[in-house]
Amino acid sequence: MLSYILASFILGIICAYLGFGRLAGVFALISKILAIIFLVFFVAGLINHLFL
């Protein structure tokens, strides 16, 4: 999942550099959503590991 976040972040930077602002915004939104999902799964995994 971290590789997907990094890939969308890099694609967003490339699109912003090339002048595709709307597409860069979409990639930024995708990377934000994936980062939140990753953090939720990470915290759930930590809690699961601590209590089981």
C-alpha atoms as a PDB file:
ATOM      1  CA  MET A   1       0.000   0.000   0.000  1.00  0.00           C
ATOM      2  CA  LEU A   2       2.874   2.352   0.682  1.00  0.00           C
ATOM      3  CA  SER A   3       4.113   1.808  -2.858  1.00  0.00           C
ATOM      4  CA  TYR A   4       0.723   2.937  -4.214  1.00  0.00           C
ATOM      5  CA  ILE A   5       0.879   6.065  -2.052  1.00  0.00           C
ATOM      6  CA  LEU A   6       4.383   6.844  -3.243  1.00  0.00           C
ATOM      7  CA  ALA A   7       3.494   6.188  -6.894  1.00  0.00           C
ATOM      8  CA  SER A   8       0.447   8.470  -6.833  1.00  0.00           C
ATOM      9  CA  PHE A   9       2.472  11.148  -5.027  1.00  0.00           C
ATOM     10  CA  ILE A  10       5.207  11.024  -7.660  1.00  0.00           C
ATOM     11  CA  LEU A  11       2.663  11.054 -10.494  1.00  0.00           C
ATOM     12  CA  GLY A  12       1.018  14.084  -8.889  1.00  0.00           C
ATOM     13  CA  ILE A  13       4.329  15.910  -8.721  1.00  0.00           C
ATOM     14  CA  ILE A  14       5.088  15.090 -12.361  1.00  0.00           C
ATOM     15  CA  CYS A  15       1.630  16.229 -13.489  1.00  0.00           C
ATOM     16  CA  ALA A  16       1.958  19.460 -11.518  1.00  0.00           C
ATOM     17  CA  TYR A  17       5.366  20.103 -13.081  1.00  0.00           C
ATOM     18  CA  LEU A  18       3.977  19.523 -16.570  1.00  0.00           C
ATOM     19  CA  GLY A  19       1.038  21.850 -15.965  1.00  0.00           C
ATOM     20  CA  PHE A  20      -1.802  19.395 -15.477  1.00  0.00           C
ATOM     21  CA  GLY A  21      -3.132  20.983 -12.300  1.00  0.00           C
ATOM     22  CA  ARG A  22      -6.477  19.194 -12.122  1.00  0.00           C
ATOM     23  CA  LEU A  23      -4.902  15.792 -12.691  1.00  0.00           C
ATOM     24  CA  ALA A  24      -2.261  16.578 -10.065  1.00  0.00           C
ATOM     25  CA  GLY A  25      -5.069  17.384  -7.631  1.00  0.00           C
ATOM     26  CA  VAL A  26      -6.694  14.036  -8.345  1.00  0.00           C
ATOM     27  CA  PHE A  27      -3.440  12.211  -7.670  1.00  0.00           C
ATOM     28  CA  ALA A  28      -2.970  14.195  -4.454  1.00  0.00           C
ATOM     29  CA  LEU A  29      -6.473  13.224  -3.341  1.00  0.00           C
ATOM     30  CA  ILE A  30      -5.803   9.572  -4.140  1.00  0.00           C
ATOM     31  CA  SER A  31      -2.580   9.603  -2.147  1.00  0.00           C
ATOM     32  CA  LYS A  32      -4.346  11.261   0.828  1.00  0.00           C
ATOM     33  CA  ILE A  33      -7.118   8.655   0.821  1.00  0.00           C
ATOM     34  CA  LEU A  34      -4.644   5.787   0.544  1.00  0.00           C
ATOM     35  CA  ALA A  35      -2.544   7.255   3.362  1.00  0.00           C
ATOM     36  CA  ILE A  36      -5.596   7.440   5.638  1.00  0.00           C
ATOM     37  CA  ILE A  37      -6.564   3.861   4.803  1.00  0.00           C
ATOM     38  CA  PHE A  38      -2.991   2.745   5.480  1.00  0.00           C
ATOM     39  CA  LEU A  39      -2.938   4.491   8.847  1.00  0.00           C
ATOM     40  CA  VAL A  40      -6.257   2.911   9.851  1.00  0.00           C
ATOM     41  CA  PHE A  41      -5.002  -0.573   8.954  1.00  0.00           C
ATOM     42  CA  PHE A  42      -1.672   0.089  10.664  1.00  0.00           C
ATOM     43  CA  VAL A  43      -3.287   1.198  13.921  1.00  0.00           C
ATOM     44  CA  ALA A  44      -5.761  -1.721  13.773  1.00  0.00           C
ATOM     45  CA  GLY A  45      -2.851  -4.107  13.284  1.00  0.00           C
ATOM     46  CA  LEU A  46      -0.975  -2.625  16.229  1.00  0.00           C
ATOM     47  CA  ILE A  47      -4.027  -2.891  18.481  1.00  0.00           C
ATOM     48  CA  ASN A  48      -4.655  -6.432  17.295  1.00  0.00           C
ATOM     49  CA  HIS A  49      -1.050  -7.395  17.983  1.00  0.00           C
ATOM     50  CA  LEU A  50      -1.057  -5.860  21.457  1.00  0.00           C
ATOM     51  CA  PHE A  51      -4.243  -7.482  22.702  1.00  0.00           C
ATOM     52  CA  LEU A  52      -4.117 -10.904  21.029  1.00  0.00           C
END
